[in-house]
Amino acid sequence: MTSLLADAPPPEPVPMPRTVEWVAAELRALAAGGALELPLPGHGGLARRWAALAALGRRDLALARLAEGHTDAVAILAEAGRKPEPGARYGVWAAKSGGTGAVLDGDRLTGTVRFCSGLTTLDRALVAAQDRLVEVDLSAPGVTRRPEAWQALGMDASDSGDVEFADVPVEPEALVGPPGWYLERPGFVFGGTGVAAVWLGGAAGIVDVVREVLAAKADEHQLAHFGALHAALASADALLTATAATLEDAADPALLNDTCRASVEHTVREVLDRAPRITGPAPMCRDRRFAQRLADLQVFVRQHHGERDLAALGRRVVEVTP
């Protein structure tokens, strides 16, 4: 069974300073070249799908975030028996942070959604509003995009921020699936593990840089830390690879998904802790790509909710154990 990361060489470095415009152009190029036409979940191609997402994360997490969102939207539409608009780039915006979130009031969409990636460069989005999923044309009247809301240095080129919906008309054909379908469908689990594959790729990208540093000179303490990173990365990779072969037919796919996400999150924390201890401050201060990778991954992996998600996983394991 081939691993998701395999033994591929590190990808070509992205230009620095990395910009929203560069990410948008790369996303368009990937779409035009067919690189975003990934195997759909539920049809036996999860390993290839996740390997592609991991490779994108290893190259650049901001680009991978938009690519993962687009491919997730395409998969959701396919699961609902629908096709995306030709040539359109999609996102999936479902955050309900700090009391915010979209609300569907009759045939009108209102509210503010945070953490919307690609908000100025995407064409359409699948927006979660209470128990409904709505396909929105982002050029519609009443859609206001606020990129200035994003103040983080990490994922700064992911074109993220807030989107305000002010009485946006919703036609019946814009509703994707019946009430509750978005969270209850089988593909919701597959998408969650796909995000973990992107995190894994982001961690591998940092380890690539660390390996270059050690190639010039390394002491035993640095090598010990690097050995620990290699083992952690390989373990998470192996778990994701094995899960890709079984998840679609698993009796409890949610348990496998939650376990994989927790495993990768743990690996990411190992990488974020050990990598700077190996390299020291020089690359963090003098290598913009390395500093950006660290900042990006620290932000992106917080899609995992830490102890809250671990407590839910522990509770599930206790409940299913005979």
C-alpha atoms as a PDB file:
ATOM      1  CA  MET A   1       0.000   0.000   0.000  1.00  0.00           C
ATOM      2  CA  THR A   2       1.583   3.301  -1.137  1.00  0.00           C
ATOM      3  CA  SER A   3       1.745   6.055   1.451  1.00  0.00           C
ATOM      4  CA  LEU A   4       0.054   9.397   0.846  1.00  0.00           C
ATOM      5  CA  LEU A   5       3.355  11.251   0.965  1.00  0.00           C
ATOM      6  CA  ALA A   6       5.247   8.445  -0.817  1.00  0.00           C
ATOM      7  CA  ASP A   7       8.907   9.248  -1.493  1.00  0.00           C
ATOM      8  CA  ALA A   8       8.319  12.171  -3.803  1.00  0.00           C
ATOM      9  CA  PRO A   9      10.917  14.962  -3.729  1.00  0.00           C
ATOM     10  CA  PRO A  10       9.932  18.258  -2.144  1.00  0.00           C
ATOM     11  CA  PRO A  11       7.879  20.478  -4.472  1.00  0.00           C
ATOM     12  CA  GLU A  12       9.226  23.613  -6.099  1.00  0.00           C
ATOM     13  CA  PRO A  13       9.219  26.561  -3.680  1.00  0.00           C
ATOM     14  CA  VAL A  14       6.492  29.158  -4.034  1.00  0.00           C
ATOM     15  CA  PRO A  15       7.428  32.791  -4.746  1.00  0.00           C
ATOM     16  CA  MET A  16       7.949  35.094  -1.802  1.00  0.00           C
ATOM     17  CA  PRO A  17       6.288  37.232  -0.722  1.00  0.00           C
ATOM     18  CA  ARG A  18       3.370  34.952  -1.466  1.00  0.00           C
ATOM     19  CA  THR A  19       0.241  36.903  -2.415  1.00  0.00           C
ATOM     20  CA  VAL A  20      -3.501  36.412  -2.739  1.00  0.00           C
ATOM     21  CA  GLU A  21      -3.096  37.094  -6.456  1.00  0.00           C
ATOM     22  CA  TRP A  22      -0.503  34.340  -6.852  1.00  0.00           C
ATOM     23  CA  VAL A  23      -2.664  31.825  -4.997  1.00  0.00           C
ATOM     24  CA  ALA A  24      -5.693  32.738  -7.125  1.00  0.00           C
ATOM     25  CA  ALA A  25      -3.691  32.388 -10.335  1.00  0.00           C
ATOM     26  CA  GLU A  26      -2.288  29.017  -9.251  1.00  0.00           C
ATOM     27  CA  LEU A  27      -5.777  27.810  -8.349  1.00  0.00           C
ATOM     28  CA  ARG A  28      -7.022  28.791 -11.809  1.00  0.00           C
ATOM     29  CA  ALA A  29      -4.063  27.021 -13.405  1.00  0.00           C
ATOM     30  CA  LEU A  30      -4.660  23.850 -11.388  1.00  0.00           C
ATOM     31  CA  ALA A  31      -8.333  23.864 -12.360  1.00  0.00           C
ATOM     32  CA  ALA A  32      -7.586  24.511 -16.036  1.00  0.00           C
ATOM     33  CA  GLY A  33      -5.039  21.692 -16.101  1.00  0.00           C
ATOM     34  CA  GLY A  34      -7.406  19.169 -14.518  1.00  0.00           C
ATOM     35  CA  ALA A  35      -5.374  18.835 -11.316  1.00  0.00           C
ATOM     36  CA  LEU A  36      -8.466  19.504  -9.197  1.00  0.00           C
ATOM     37  CA  GLU A  37     -10.493  16.722 -10.805  1.00  0.00           C
ATOM     38  CA  LEU A  38      -9.917  14.295  -7.941  1.00  0.00           C
ATOM     39  CA  PRO A  39     -11.606  10.916  -7.389  1.00  0.00           C
ATOM     40  CA  LEU A  40     -14.954  11.438  -5.696  1.00  0.00           C
ATOM     41  CA  PRO A  41     -15.352   9.996  -2.185  1.00  0.00           C
ATOM     42  CA  GLY A  42     -17.415   6.843  -1.964  1.00  0.00           C
ATOM     43  CA  HIS A  43     -16.018   5.261  -5.109  1.00  0.00           C
ATOM     44  CA  GLY A  44     -12.797   3.652  -3.893  1.00  0.00           C
ATOM     45  CA  GLY A  45     -10.382   6.463  -4.722  1.00  0.00           C
ATOM     46  CA  LEU A  46      -9.776   8.034  -1.325  1.00  0.00           C
ATOM     47  CA  ALA A  47      -6.049   7.231  -1.285  1.00  0.00           C
ATOM     48  CA  ARG A  48      -5.465   9.055  -4.582  1.00  0.00           C
ATOM     49  CA  ARG A  49      -7.685  11.939  -3.478  1.00  0.00           C
ATOM     50  CA  TRP A  50      -5.935  12.396  -0.151  1.00  0.00           C
ATOM     51  CA  ALA A  51      -2.474  11.961  -1.701  1.00  0.00           C
ATOM     52  CA  ALA A  52      -3.251  14.845  -4.073  1.00  0.00           C
ATOM     53  CA  LEU A  53      -4.458  17.004  -1.168  1.00  0.00           C
ATOM     54  CA  ALA A  54      -1.379  16.147   0.894  1.00  0.00           C
ATOM     55  CA  ALA A  55       0.871  17.088  -2.034  1.00  0.00           C
ATOM     56  CA  LEU A  56      -0.868  20.454  -2.315  1.00  0.00           C
ATOM     57  CA  GLY A  57      -0.417  21.045   1.421  1.00  0.00           C
ATOM     58  CA  ARG A  58       3.243  20.148   1.160  1.00  0.00           C
ATOM     59  CA  ARG A  59       3.636  22.770  -1.567  1.00  0.00           C
ATOM     60  CA  ASP A  60       1.691  25.611   0.051  1.00  0.00           C
ATOM     61  CA  LEU A  61      -1.090  25.599   2.638  1.00  0.00           C
ATOM     62  CA  ALA A  62      -2.894  28.721   1.419  1.00  0.00           C
ATOM     63  CA  LEU A  63      -3.171  27.252  -2.067  1.00  0.00           C
ATOM     64  CA  ALA A  64      -4.132  23.867  -0.628  1.00  0.00           C
ATOM     65  CA  ARG A  65      -6.871  25.452   1.495  1.00  0.00           C
ATOM     66  CA  LEU A  66      -8.624  26.889  -1.561  1.00  0.00           C
ATOM     67  CA  ALA A  67      -8.063  23.761  -3.629  1.00  0.00           C
ATOM     68  CA  GLU A  68      -9.440  21.521  -0.862  1.00  0.00           C
ATOM     69  CA  GLY A  69     -12.485  23.752  -0.474  1.00  0.00           C
ATOM     70  CA  HIS A  70     -13.212  23.651  -4.208  1.00  0.00           C
ATOM     71  CA  THR A  71     -12.809  19.883  -4.467  1.00  0.00           C
ATOM     72  CA  ASP A  72     -14.940  19.395  -1.353  1.00  0.00           C
ATOM     73  CA  ALA A  73     -17.720  21.515  -2.871  1.00  0.00           C
ATOM     74  CA  VAL A  74     -17.585  19.517  -6.093  1.00  0.00           C
ATOM     75  CA  ALA A  75     -17.832  16.279  -4.095  1.00  0.00           C
ATOM     76  CA  ILE A  76     -20.788  17.612  -2.091  1.00  0.00           C
ATOM     77  CA  LEU A  77     -22.643  18.594  -5.246  1.00  0.00           C
ATOM     78  CA  ALA A  78     -21.959  15.182  -6.778  1.00  0.00           C
ATOM     79  CA  GLU A  79     -23.285  13.488  -3.645  1.00  0.00           C
ATOM     80  CA  ALA A  80     -26.458  15.533  -4.071  1.00  0.00           C
ATOM     81  CA  GLY A  81     -26.736  14.475  -7.710  1.00  0.00           C
ATOM     82  CA  ARG A  82     -25.742  17.903  -9.027  1.00  0.00           C
ATOM     83  CA  LYS A  83     -22.965  19.346 -11.143  1.00  0.00           C
ATOM     84  CA  PRO A  84     -20.982  22.520 -10.477  1.00  0.00           C
ATOM     85  CA  GLU A  85     -21.315  25.522 -12.732  1.00  0.00           C
ATOM     86  CA  PRO A  86     -18.822  25.085 -15.602  1.00  0.00           C
ATOM     87  CA  GLY A  87     -15.571  26.920 -14.964  1.00  0.00           C
ATOM     88  CA  ALA A  88     -16.621  28.176 -11.528  1.00  0.00           C
ATOM     89  CA  ARG A  89     -14.363  27.957  -8.500  1.00  0.00           C
ATOM     90  CA  TYR A  90     -16.167  26.994  -5.310  1.00  0.00           C
ATOM     91  CA  GLY A  91     -15.746  27.180  -1.566  1.00  0.00           C
ATOM     92  CA  VAL A  92     -17.592  25.650   1.379  1.00  0.00           C
ATOM     93  CA  TRP A  93     -18.423  28.204   4.082  1.00  0.00           C
ATOM     94  CA  ALA A  94     -19.974  26.681   7.187  1.00  0.00           C
ATOM     95  CA  ALA A  95     -18.336  28.362  10.207  1.00  0.00           C
ATOM     96  CA  LYS A  96     -20.492  29.348  13.170  1.00  0.00           C
ATOM     97  CA  SER A  97     -18.011  31.264  15.277  1.00  0.00           C
ATOM     98  CA  GLY A  98     -18.829  33.505  18.212  1.00  0.00           C
ATOM     99  CA  GLY A  99     -22.564  33.479  17.570  1.00  0.00           C
ATOM    100  CA  THR A 100     -22.196  34.287  13.867  1.00  0.00           C
ATOM    101  CA  GLY A 101     -23.411  32.197  10.961  1.00  0.00           C
ATOM    102  CA  ALA A 102     -25.750  32.261   7.993  1.00  0.00           C
ATOM    103  CA  VAL A 103     -29.515  32.106   8.516  1.00  0.00           C
ATOM    104  CA  LEU A 104     -32.106  31.059   5.967  1.00  0.00           C
ATOM    105  CA  ASP A 105     -35.307  33.019   6.604  1.00  0.00           C
ATOM    106  CA  GLY A 106     -37.879  31.825   4.094  1.00  0.00           C
ATOM    107  CA  ASP A 107     -36.287  32.523   0.737  1.00  0.00           C
ATOM    108  CA  ARG A 108     -33.684  34.996   2.030  1.00  0.00           C
ATOM    109  CA  LEU A 109     -30.141  34.373   3.244  1.00  0.00           C
ATOM    110  CA  THR A 110     -28.848  36.650   5.992  1.00  0.00           C
ATOM    111  CA  GLY A 111     -26.049  36.744   8.564  1.00  0.00           C
ATOM    112  CA  THR A 112     -22.260  36.871   8.738  1.00  0.00           C
ATOM    113  CA  VAL A 113     -19.976  33.891   8.154  1.00  0.00           C
ATOM    114  CA  ARG A 114     -16.391  34.013   9.395  1.00  0.00           C
ATOM    115  CA  PHE A 115     -13.316  32.131   8.152  1.00  0.00           C
ATOM    116  CA  CYS A 116     -14.423  32.210   4.500  1.00  0.00           C
ATOM    117  CA  SER A 117     -11.373  31.347   2.382  1.00  0.00           C
ATOM    118  CA  GLY A 118     -11.183  32.603  -1.180  1.00  0.00           C
ATOM    119  CA  LEU A 119     -13.793  35.221  -0.452  1.00  0.00           C
ATOM    120  CA  THR A 120     -12.693  37.731  -3.120  1.00  0.00           C
ATOM    121  CA  THR A 121     -11.489  35.281  -5.780  1.00  0.00           C
ATOM    122  CA  LEU A 122     -14.064  32.471  -5.779  1.00  0.00           C
ATOM    123  CA  ASP A 123     -17.169  32.484  -7.949  1.00  0.00           C
ATOM    124  CA  ARG A 124     -19.611  30.438  -5.881  1.00  0.00           C
ATOM    125  CA  ALA A 125     -19.896  28.955  -2.399  1.00  0.00           C
ATOM    126  CA  LEU A 126     -21.899  26.311  -0.590  1.00  0.00           C
ATOM    127  CA  VAL A 127     -23.081  28.092   2.552  1.00  0.00           C
ATOM    128  CA  ALA A 128     -24.405  26.243   5.599  1.00  0.00           C
ATOM    129  CA  ALA A 129     -27.474  28.036   6.976  1.00  0.00           C
ATOM    130  CA  GLN A 130     -29.004  26.288  10.003  1.00  0.00           C
ATOM    131  CA  ASP A 131     -29.889  22.806   8.712  1.00  0.00           C
ATOM    132  CA  ARG A 132     -29.770  23.733   5.019  1.00  0.00           C
ATOM    133  CA  LEU A 133     -26.984  24.044   2.479  1.00  0.00           C
ATOM    134  CA  VAL A 134     -27.328  26.851  -0.049  1.00  0.00           C
ATOM    135  CA  GLU A 135     -25.408  27.339  -3.288  1.00  0.00           C
ATOM    136  CA  VAL A 136     -24.676  31.056  -3.623  1.00  0.00           C
ATOM    137  CA  ASP A 137     -23.499  33.069  -6.602  1.00  0.00           C
ATOM    138  CA  LEU A 138     -21.009  35.394  -4.928  1.00  0.00           C
ATOM    139  CA  SER A 139     -21.716  38.162  -7.432  1.00  0.00           C
ATOM    140  CA  ALA A 140     -25.347  38.321  -6.243  1.00  0.00           C
ATOM    141  CA  PRO A 141     -26.670  41.545  -4.678  1.00  0.00           C
ATOM    142  CA  GLY A 142     -26.487  41.496  -0.903  1.00  0.00           C
ATOM    143  CA  VAL A 143     -23.172  39.576  -0.704  1.00  0.00           C
ATOM    144  CA  THR A 144     -20.478  41.699   0.944  1.00  0.00           C
ATOM    145  CA  ARG A 145     -16.975  40.333   1.307  1.00  0.00           C
ATOM    146  CA  ARG A 146     -14.720  41.690   4.057  1.00  0.00           C
ATOM    147  CA  PRO A 147     -11.114  40.495   3.687  1.00  0.00           C
ATOM    148  CA  GLU A 148      -9.952  43.135   6.191  1.00  0.00           C
ATOM    149  CA  ALA A 149     -11.422  40.981   8.971  1.00  0.00           C
ATOM    150  CA  TRP A 150      -8.496  38.550   8.553  1.00  0.00           C
ATOM    151  CA  GLN A 151      -5.574  39.871  10.600  1.00  0.00           C
ATOM    152  CA  ALA A 152      -3.478  36.717  10.954  1.00  0.00           C
ATOM    153  CA  LEU A 153      -0.018  36.380   9.425  1.00  0.00           C
ATOM    154  CA  GLY A 154      -0.634  32.668   9.053  1.00  0.00           C
ATOM    155  CA  MET A 155      -2.667  31.778   5.942  1.00  0.00           C
ATOM    156  CA  ASP A 156      -2.524  35.455   4.986  1.00  0.00           C
ATOM    157  CA  ALA A 157      -2.720  34.636   1.265  1.00  0.00           C
ATOM    158  CA  SER A 158      -5.712  32.297   1.628  1.00  0.00           C
ATOM    159  CA  ASP A 159      -7.976  35.275   0.873  1.00  0.00           C
ATOM    160  CA  SER A 160      -9.935  34.672   4.066  1.00  0.00           C
ATOM    161  CA  GLY A 161     -12.263  36.913   6.028  1.00  0.00           C
ATOM    162  CA  ASP A 162     -15.928  37.548   6.748  1.00  0.00           C
ATOM    163  CA  VAL A 163     -18.829  37.449   4.315  1.00  0.00           C
ATOM    164  CA  GLU A 164     -22.065  39.277   5.074  1.00  0.00           C
ATOM    165  CA  PHE A 165     -25.336  38.155   3.507  1.00  0.00           C
ATOM    166  CA  ALA A 166     -28.079  40.787   3.499  1.00  0.00           C
ATOM    167  CA  ASP A 167     -31.404  39.398   2.273  1.00  0.00           C
ATOM    168  CA  VAL A 168     -29.803  37.442  -0.563  1.00  0.00           C
ATOM    169  CA  PRO A 169     -32.617  35.792  -2.587  1.00  0.00           C
ATOM    170  CA  VAL A 170     -32.536  31.982  -2.494  1.00  0.00           C
ATOM    171  CA  GLU A 171     -34.343  30.150  -5.276  1.00  0.00           C
ATOM    172  CA  PRO A 172     -35.544  26.573  -4.594  1.00  0.00           C
ATOM    173  CA  GLU A 173     -32.937  25.145  -6.952  1.00  0.00           C
ATOM    174  CA  ALA A 174     -30.192  26.765  -4.840  1.00  0.00           C
ATOM    175  CA  LEU A 175     -30.975  24.457  -1.909  1.00  0.00           C
ATOM    176  CA  VAL A 176     -28.584  21.499  -1.889  1.00  0.00           C
ATOM    177  CA  GLY A 177     -30.114  18.409  -0.331  1.00  0.00           C
ATOM    178  CA  PRO A 178     -33.007  18.176   2.162  1.00  0.00           C
ATOM    179  CA  PRO A 179     -32.926  19.639   5.710  1.00  0.00           C
ATOM    180  CA  GLY A 180     -30.071  18.185   7.762  1.00  0.00           C
ATOM    181  CA  TRP A 181     -28.485  16.524   4.753  1.00  0.00           C
ATOM    182  CA  TYR A 182     -25.175  18.401   4.817  1.00  0.00           C
ATOM    183  CA  LEU A 183     -24.044  17.004   8.182  1.00  0.00           C
ATOM    184  CA  GLU A 184     -25.763  13.618   7.923  1.00  0.00           C
ATOM    185  CA  ARG A 185     -24.476  12.546   4.489  1.00  0.00           C
ATOM    186  CA  PRO A 186     -21.636   9.960   4.349  1.00  0.00           C
ATOM    187  CA  GLY A 187     -19.358  12.371   2.514  1.00  0.00           C
ATOM    188  CA  PHE A 188     -19.149  14.708   5.515  1.00  0.00           C
ATOM    189  CA  VAL A 189     -16.779  12.254   7.185  1.00  0.00           C
ATOM    190  CA  PHE A 190     -14.686  11.769   4.031  1.00  0.00           C
ATOM    191  CA  GLY A 191     -14.223  15.528   3.726  1.00  0.00           C
ATOM    192  CA  GLY A 192     -13.084  15.837   7.345  1.00  0.00           C
ATOM    193  CA  THR A 193     -10.316  13.295   6.853  1.00  0.00           C
ATOM    194  CA  GLY A 194      -9.347  14.972   3.596  1.00  0.00           C
ATOM    195  CA  VAL A 195      -8.570  18.155   5.534  1.00  0.00           C
ATOM    196  CA  ALA A 196      -6.276  16.094   7.770  1.00  0.00           C
ATOM    197  CA  ALA A 197      -4.387  15.008   4.642  1.00  0.00           C
ATOM    198  CA  VAL A 198      -3.733  18.681   3.890  1.00  0.00           C
ATOM    199  CA  TRP A 199      -2.428  19.210   7.445  1.00  0.00           C
ATOM    200  CA  LEU A 200      -0.131  16.230   6.965  1.00  0.00           C
ATOM    201  CA  GLY A 201       1.208  17.739   3.759  1.00  0.00           C
ATOM    202  CA  GLY A 202       1.816  21.045   5.538  1.00  0.00           C
ATOM    203  CA  ALA A 203       3.787  19.238   8.241  1.00  0.00           C
ATOM    204  CA  ALA A 204       5.828  17.432   5.585  1.00  0.00           C
ATOM    205  CA  GLY A 205       6.655  20.776   3.972  1.00  0.00           C
ATOM    206  CA  ILE A 206       8.170  22.013   7.219  1.00  0.00           C
ATOM    207  CA  VAL A 207      10.147  18.797   7.655  1.00  0.00           C
ATOM    208  CA  ASP A 208      11.489  19.262   4.106  1.00  0.00           C
ATOM    209  CA  VAL A 209      13.062  22.570   5.174  1.00  0.00           C
ATOM    210  CA  VAL A 210      14.447  21.074   8.371  1.00  0.00           C
ATOM    211  CA  ARG A 211      16.077  18.275   6.371  1.00  0.00           C
ATOM    212  CA  GLU A 212      17.840  20.884   4.213  1.00  0.00           C
ATOM    213  CA  VAL A 213      19.175  22.618   7.330  1.00  0.00           C
ATOM    214  CA  LEU A 214      20.508  19.372   8.753  1.00  0.00           C
ATOM    215  CA  ALA A 215      22.168  18.393   5.481  1.00  0.00           C
ATOM    216  CA  ALA A 216      24.723  21.163   6.033  1.00  0.00           C
ATOM    217  CA  LYS A 217      25.478  20.408   9.684  1.00  0.00           C
ATOM    218  CA  ALA A 218      23.780  18.470  12.480  1.00  0.00           C
ATOM    219  CA  ASP A 219      24.551  17.449  16.032  1.00  0.00           C
ATOM    220  CA  GLU A 220      23.125  14.491  17.925  1.00  0.00           C
ATOM    221  CA  HIS A 221      20.428  16.529  19.646  1.00  0.00           C
ATOM    222  CA  GLN A 222      19.148  17.886  16.323  1.00  0.00           C
ATOM    223  CA  LEU A 223      19.168  14.425  14.806  1.00  0.00           C
ATOM    224  CA  ALA A 224      17.237  13.010  17.759  1.00  0.00           C
ATOM    225  CA  HIS A 225      14.517  15.620  17.264  1.00  0.00           C
ATOM    226  CA  PHE A 226      14.500  14.953  13.538  1.00  0.00           C
ATOM    227  CA  GLY A 227      14.185  11.211  14.105  1.00  0.00           C
ATOM    228  CA  ALA A 228      11.163  11.865  16.296  1.00  0.00           C
ATOM    229  CA  LEU A 229       9.620  14.022  13.541  1.00  0.00           C
ATOM    230  CA  HIS A 230      10.232  11.338  10.942  1.00  0.00           C
ATOM    231  CA  ALA A 231       8.562   8.709  13.116  1.00  0.00           C
ATOM    232  CA  ALA A 232       5.566  10.936  13.888  1.00  0.00           C
ATOM    233  CA  LEU A 233       5.079  11.869  10.236  1.00  0.00           C
ATOM    234  CA  ALA A 234       5.378   8.253   9.094  1.00  0.00           C
ATOM    235  CA  SER A 235       2.879   7.075  11.721  1.00  0.00           C
ATOM    236  CA  ALA A 236       0.229   9.618  10.764  1.00  0.00           C
ATOM    237  CA  ASP A 237       0.833   8.914   7.080  1.00  0.00           C
ATOM    238  CA  ALA A 238       0.434   5.172   7.635  1.00  0.00           C
ATOM    239  CA  LEU A 239      -2.810   5.652   9.570  1.00  0.00           C
ATOM    240  CA  LEU A 240      -4.292   7.907   6.895  1.00  0.00           C
ATOM    241  CA  THR A 241      -3.195   5.514   4.150  1.00  0.00           C
ATOM    242  CA  ALA A 242      -4.750   2.514   5.905  1.00  0.00           C
ATOM    243  CA  THR A 243      -7.912   4.490   6.629  1.00  0.00           C
ATOM    244  CA  ALA A 244      -8.249   5.446   2.972  1.00  0.00           C
ATOM    245  CA  ALA A 245      -8.551   1.746   2.154  1.00  0.00           C
ATOM    246  CA  THR A 246     -11.279   1.055   4.719  1.00  0.00           C
ATOM    247  CA  LEU A 247     -13.185   4.237   5.506  1.00  0.00           C
ATOM    248  CA  GLU A 248     -15.813   3.996   2.789  1.00  0.00           C
ATOM    249  CA  ASP A 249     -16.926   0.551   4.003  1.00  0.00           C
ATOM    250  CA  ALA A 250     -16.297   1.027   7.725  1.00  0.00           C
ATOM    251  CA  ALA A 251     -18.975   0.218  10.294  1.00  0.00           C
ATOM    252  CA  ASP A 252     -18.122   3.425  12.167  1.00  0.00           C
ATOM    253  CA  PRO A 253     -16.495   5.853   9.712  1.00  0.00           C
ATOM    254  CA  ALA A 254     -16.869   8.788  12.107  1.00  0.00           C
ATOM    255  CA  LEU A 255     -14.628   7.042  14.648  1.00  0.00           C
ATOM    256  CA  LEU A 256     -11.956   6.455  12.009  1.00  0.00           C
ATOM    257  CA  ASN A 257     -12.219  10.056  10.832  1.00  0.00           C
ATOM    258  CA  ASP A 258     -11.909  11.466  14.345  1.00  0.00           C
ATOM    259  CA  THR A 259      -8.968   9.165  15.095  1.00  0.00           C
ATOM    260  CA  CYS A 260      -7.123  10.209  11.939  1.00  0.00           C
ATOM    261  CA  ARG A 261      -7.694  13.896  12.568  1.00  0.00           C
ATOM    262  CA  ALA A 262      -6.453  13.548  16.154  1.00  0.00           C
ATOM    263  CA  SER A 263      -3.392  11.609  15.020  1.00  0.00           C
ATOM    264  CA  VAL A 264      -2.440  14.175  12.391  1.00  0.00           C
ATOM    265  CA  GLU A 265      -3.106  17.085  14.772  1.00  0.00           C
ATOM    266  CA  HIS A 266      -0.762  15.457  17.282  1.00  0.00           C
ATOM    267  CA  THR A 267       1.889  15.057  14.598  1.00  0.00           C
ATOM    268  CA  VAL A 268       1.474  18.683  13.555  1.00  0.00           C
ATOM    269  CA  ARG A 269       2.014  19.836  17.139  1.00  0.00           C
ATOM    270  CA  GLU A 270       5.184  17.711  17.241  1.00  0.00           C
ATOM    271  CA  VAL A 271       6.416  19.381  14.062  1.00  0.00           C
ATOM    272  CA  LEU A 272       5.560  22.902  15.236  1.00  0.00           C
ATOM    273  CA  ASP A 273       7.342  22.267  18.537  1.00  0.00           C
ATOM    274  CA  ARG A 274      10.421  20.380  17.381  1.00  0.00           C
ATOM    275  CA  ALA A 275      11.212  22.044  14.034  1.00  0.00           C
ATOM    276  CA  PRO A 276      12.215  25.424  15.540  1.00  0.00           C
ATOM    277  CA  ARG A 277      14.176  23.623  18.262  1.00  0.00           C
ATOM    278  CA  ILE A 278      16.145  21.837  15.530  1.00  0.00           C
ATOM    279  CA  THR A 279      16.812  24.862  13.350  1.00  0.00           C
ATOM    280  CA  GLY A 280      17.198  27.560  15.974  1.00  0.00           C
ATOM    281  CA  PRO A 281      16.055  31.134  15.302  1.00  0.00           C
ATOM    282  CA  ALA A 282      18.022  31.835  12.118  1.00  0.00           C
ATOM    283  CA  PRO A 283      15.654  30.210   9.568  1.00  0.00           C
ATOM    284  CA  MET A 284      12.626  31.542  11.435  1.00  0.00           C
ATOM    285  CA  CYS A 285      14.010  35.078  11.100  1.00  0.00           C
ATOM    286  CA  ARG A 286      15.914  34.904   7.802  1.00  0.00           C
ATOM    287  CA  ASP A 287      13.935  32.402   5.699  1.00  0.00           C
ATOM    288  CA  ARG A 288      10.508  33.827   4.854  1.00  0.00           C
ATOM    289  CA  ARG A 289       9.253  30.539   3.391  1.00  0.00           C
ATOM    290  CA  PHE A 290      10.063  28.615   6.558  1.00  0.00           C
ATOM    291  CA  ALA A 291       8.520  31.249   8.819  1.00  0.00           C
ATOM    292  CA  GLN A 292       5.428  31.353   6.604  1.00  0.00           C
ATOM    293  CA  ARG A 293       5.050  27.581   6.670  1.00  0.00           C
ATOM    294  CA  LEU A 294       5.168  27.553  10.462  1.00  0.00           C
ATOM    295  CA  ALA A 295       2.620  30.370  10.731  1.00  0.00           C
ATOM    296  CA  ASP A 296       0.303  28.824   8.134  1.00  0.00           C
ATOM    297  CA  LEU A 297       0.220  25.403   9.745  1.00  0.00           C
ATOM    298  CA  GLN A 298      -0.325  26.800  13.222  1.00  0.00           C
ATOM    299  CA  VAL A 299      -3.474  28.571  11.997  1.00  0.00           C
ATOM    300  CA  PHE A 300      -4.799  25.896   9.639  1.00  0.00           C
ATOM    301  CA  VAL A 301      -4.580  22.977  12.052  1.00  0.00           C
ATOM    302  CA  ARG A 302      -6.850  24.779  14.486  1.00  0.00           C
ATOM    303  CA  GLN A 303      -9.722  23.491  12.429  1.00  0.00           C
ATOM    304  CA  HIS A 304      -9.179  20.681  14.898  1.00  0.00           C
ATOM    305  CA  HIS A 305     -10.689  21.911  18.156  1.00  0.00           C
ATOM    306  CA  GLY A 306      -8.030  20.496  20.438  1.00  0.00           C
ATOM    307  CA  GLU A 307      -9.201  19.029  23.715  1.00  0.00           C
ATOM    308  CA  ARG A 308     -12.860  19.423  22.763  1.00  0.00           C
ATOM    309  CA  ASP A 309     -12.414  17.116  19.773  1.00  0.00           C
ATOM    310  CA  LEU A 310     -10.207  14.761  21.800  1.00  0.00           C
ATOM    311  CA  ALA A 311     -12.857  14.536  24.519  1.00  0.00           C
ATOM    312  CA  ALA A 312     -15.474  13.673  21.896  1.00  0.00           C
ATOM    313  CA  LEU A 313     -13.153  11.003  20.501  1.00  0.00           C
ATOM    314  CA  GLY A 314     -12.481   9.560  23.950  1.00  0.00           C
ATOM    315  CA  ARG A 315     -16.199   9.459  24.702  1.00  0.00           C
ATOM    316  CA  ARG A 316     -16.915   7.667  21.439  1.00  0.00           C
ATOM    317  CA  VAL A 317     -14.190   5.085  22.073  1.00  0.00           C
ATOM    318  CA  VAL A 318     -15.491   4.399  25.597  1.00  0.00           C
ATOM    319  CA  GLU A 319     -19.038   3.986  24.289  1.00  0.00           C
ATOM    320  CA  VAL A 320     -18.125   1.538  21.508  1.00  0.00           C
ATOM    321  CA  THR A 321     -15.661  -0.567  23.518  1.00  0.00           C
ATOM    322  CA  PRO A 322     -17.286  -3.876  24.593  1.00  0.00           C
END
